[in-house]
C-alpha atoms as a PDB file:
ATOM      1  CA  MET A   1      13.968  14.470   3.324  1.00  0.00           C
ATOM      2  CA  ILE A   2      13.973  13.885  -0.436  1.00  0.00           C
ATOM      3  CA  SER A   3      17.384  15.521  -0.772  1.00  0.00           C
ATOM      4  CA  GLU A   4      18.787  12.970   1.688  1.00  0.00           C
ATOM      5  CA  ILE A   5      17.875  10.083  -0.595  1.00  0.00           C
ATOM      6  CA  THR A   6      20.038  10.073  -3.679  1.00  0.00           C
ATOM      7  CA  ASP A   7      20.219   6.411  -4.587  1.00  0.00           C
ATOM      8  CA  GLY A   8      18.616   3.040  -3.950  1.00  0.00           C
ATOM      9  CA  GLU A   9      21.111   2.137  -1.233  1.00  0.00           C
ATOM     10  CA  ASN A  10      20.108   5.146   0.869  1.00  0.00           C
ATOM     11  CA  LEU A  11      16.438   4.203   0.441  1.00  0.00           C
ATOM     12  CA  LYS A  12      17.150   0.643   1.588  1.00  0.00           C
ATOM     13  CA  THR A  13      18.976   2.012   4.633  1.00  0.00           C
ATOM     14  CA  MET A  14      16.104   4.368   5.460  1.00  0.00           C
ATOM     15  CA  ILE A  15      13.526   1.606   5.117  1.00  0.00           C
ATOM     16  CA  SER A  16      15.574  -0.865   7.165  1.00  0.00           C
ATOM     17  CA  GLU A  17      15.715   1.706   9.976  1.00  0.00           C
ATOM     18  CA  ILE A  18      11.907   1.693  10.099  1.00  0.00           C
ATOM     19  CA  GLU A  19      12.118  -2.007  11.037  1.00  0.00           C
ATOM     20  CA  ILE A  20       9.134  -3.306   9.131  1.00  0.00           C
ATOM     21  CA  PRO A  21       9.262  -7.045   8.384  1.00  0.00           C
ATOM     22  CA  ASN A  22       8.956  -8.163   4.741  1.00  0.00           C
ATOM     23  CA  LEU A  23       8.890  -4.609   3.410  1.00  0.00           C
ATOM     24  CA  PRO A  24      12.517  -4.383   2.206  1.00  0.00           C
ATOM     25  CA  PRO A  25      12.041  -7.077  -0.492  1.00  0.00           C
ATOM     26  CA  LEU A  26       9.009  -5.160  -1.765  1.00  0.00           C
ATOM     27  CA  ILE A  27      10.901  -1.892  -2.237  1.00  0.00           C
ATOM     28  CA  THR A  28      12.233  -3.176  -5.547  1.00  0.00           C
ATOM     29  CA  ALA A  29       8.672  -3.613  -6.850  1.00  0.00           C
ATOM     30  CA  VAL A  30       8.207   0.128  -7.450  1.00  0.00           C
ATOM     31  CA  SER A  31      10.449   3.160  -7.952  1.00  0.00           C
ATOM     32  CA  TRP A  32      12.127   4.902  -5.043  1.00  0.00           C
ATOM     33  CA  THR A  33       9.942   7.995  -5.498  1.00  0.00           C
ATOM     34  CA  LYS A  34       6.842   5.848  -5.038  1.00  0.00           C
ATOM     35  CA  ASN A  35       8.390   4.134  -2.029  1.00  0.00           C
ATOM     36  CA  LEU A  36       9.198   7.503  -0.522  1.00  0.00           C
ATOM     37  CA  ALA A  37       5.626   8.739  -1.012  1.00  0.00           C
ATOM     38  CA  ILE A  38       4.253   5.574   0.579  1.00  0.00           C
ATOM     39  CA  ILE A  39       6.617   5.785   3.551  1.00  0.00           C
ATOM     40  CA  GLN A  40       5.832   9.454   4.142  1.00  0.00           C
ATOM     41  CA  LYS A  41       2.055   9.207   3.763  1.00  0.00           C
ATOM     42  CA  CYS A  42       1.215   5.753   5.167  1.00  0.00           C
ATOM     43  CA  LYS A  43       1.869   4.793   8.760  1.00  0.00           C
ATOM     44  CA  ASP A  44       0.221   1.364   8.763  1.00  0.00           C
ATOM     45  CA  TYR A  45       2.272  -1.629   7.570  1.00  0.00           C
ATOM     46  CA  LEU A  46      -0.618  -3.287   5.697  1.00  0.00           C
ATOM     47  CA  GLU A  47      -1.529   0.005   4.060  1.00  0.00           C
ATOM     48  CA  ARG A  48       2.035   0.338   2.764  1.00  0.00           C
ATOM     49  CA  ILE A  49       1.975  -3.187   1.379  1.00  0.00           C
ATOM     50  CA  PHE A  50      -1.384  -2.493  -0.290  1.00  0.00           C
ATOM     51  CA  TYR A  51      -0.121   0.612  -2.082  1.00  0.00           C
ATOM     52  CA  ILE A  52       3.150  -1.004  -3.190  1.00  0.00           C
ATOM     53  CA  LYS A  53       1.304  -3.965  -4.676  1.00  0.00           C
ATOM     54  CA  ALA A  54      -1.420  -1.800  -6.229  1.00  0.00           C
ATOM     55  CA  ALA A  55       1.096   0.595  -7.786  1.00  0.00           C
ATOM     56  CA  ARG A  56       2.922  -2.305  -9.368  1.00  0.00           C
ATOM     57  CA  ARG A  57      -0.170  -4.246 -10.454  1.00  0.00           C
ATOM     58  CA  PHE A  58      -1.987  -1.297 -12.002  1.00  0.00           C
ATOM     59  CA  GLY A  59       1.089   0.569 -13.240  1.00  0.00           C
ATOM     60  CA  TRP A  60       0.328   3.720 -11.275  1.00  0.00           C
ATOM     61  CA  THR A  61       2.540   6.734 -11.833  1.00  0.00           C
ATOM     62  CA  HIS A  62       3.820   8.638  -8.807  1.00  0.00           C
ATOM     63  CA  ASP A  63       1.052  11.218  -9.145  1.00  0.00           C
ATOM     64  CA  VAL A  64      -1.658   8.568  -9.451  1.00  0.00           C
ATOM     65  CA  LEU A  65      -0.259   6.775  -6.398  1.00  0.00           C
ATOM     66  CA  VAL A  66      -0.264   9.965  -4.319  1.00  0.00           C
ATOM     67  CA  HIS A  67      -3.801  10.738  -5.485  1.00  0.00           C
ATOM     68  CA  ASN A  68      -4.996   7.262  -4.440  1.00  0.00           C
ATOM     69  CA  ILE A  69      -3.335   7.643  -1.052  1.00  0.00           C
ATOM     70  CA  ASP A  70      -4.949  11.064  -0.617  1.00  0.00           C
ATOM     71  CA  ILE A  71      -8.439   9.786  -1.461  1.00  0.00           C
ATOM     72  CA  LYS A  72      -7.883   6.859   0.920  1.00  0.00           C
ATOM     73  CA  ALA A  73      -8.181   4.048  -1.618  1.00  0.00           C
ATOM     74  CA  TYR A  74      -6.963   1.563   1.007  1.00  0.00           C
ATOM     75  CA  GLU A  75      -9.792   2.408   3.409  1.00  0.00           C
ATOM     76  CA  ARG A  76     -12.313   2.211   0.575  1.00  0.00           C
ATOM     77  CA  TYR A  77     -10.948  -1.183  -0.414  1.00  0.00           C
ATOM     78  CA  LEU A  78     -11.292  -2.456   3.161  1.00  0.00           C
ATOM     79  CA  THR A  79     -14.823  -1.085   3.435  1.00  0.00           C
ATOM     80  CA  ASN A  80     -15.782  -2.730   0.156  1.00  0.00           C
ATOM     81  CA  GLN A  81     -14.294  -6.058   1.243  1.00  0.00           C
ATOM     82  CA  THR A  82     -16.189  -5.897   4.542  1.00  0.00           C
ATOM     83  CA  LYS A  83     -19.483  -5.208   2.761  1.00  0.00           C
ATOM     84  CA  THR A  84     -18.848  -8.058   0.309  1.00  0.00           C
ATOM     85  CA  LEU A  85     -18.148 -10.529   3.109  1.00  0.00           C
ATOM     86  CA  TYR A  86     -21.236  -9.350   4.995  1.00  0.00           C
ATOM     87  CA  LEU A  87     -23.466  -9.810   1.936  1.00  0.00           C
ATOM     88  CA  LYS A  88     -22.010 -13.266   1.236  1.00  0.00           C
ATOM     89  CA  ASN A  89     -22.678 -14.229   4.851  1.00  0.00           C
ATOM     90  CA  ILE A  90     -26.308 -13.092   4.585  1.00  0.00           C
ATOM     91  CA  ALA A  91     -26.738 -14.986   1.298  1.00  0.00           C
ATOM     92  CA  CYS A  92     -25.349 -18.172   2.846  1.00  0.00           C
ATOM     93  CA  LYS A  93     -27.691 -17.879   5.836  1.00  0.00           C
ATOM     94  CA  GLN A  94     -30.695 -17.373   3.544  1.00  0.00           C
ATOM     95  CA  ASN A  95     -29.792 -20.404   1.433  1.00  0.00           C
ATOM     96  CA  THR A  96     -29.323 -22.644   4.459  1.00  0.00           C
ATOM     97  CA  PRO A  97     -32.473 -24.706   5.208  1.00  0.00           C
END
């Protein structure tokens, strides 16, 4: 599959064939090798968006990105957010007279 993608135009064509809304504008946020890793390893649309934004924000290299995908950083992030919201909800209930 990697040999099929030789330039940015081929990557845009491949991504447009996946038919994911709002993803094509994000492909310019990171390199094509990172986009390819995300497309191959992530099936969920929101997961793909998460990794594209995280790779850009934190300056992840390709290897760091793949490592974070492999250790399921997205799922950990969601779990952490759920726990945080739960704890905030409990705190609000305790502070309510």
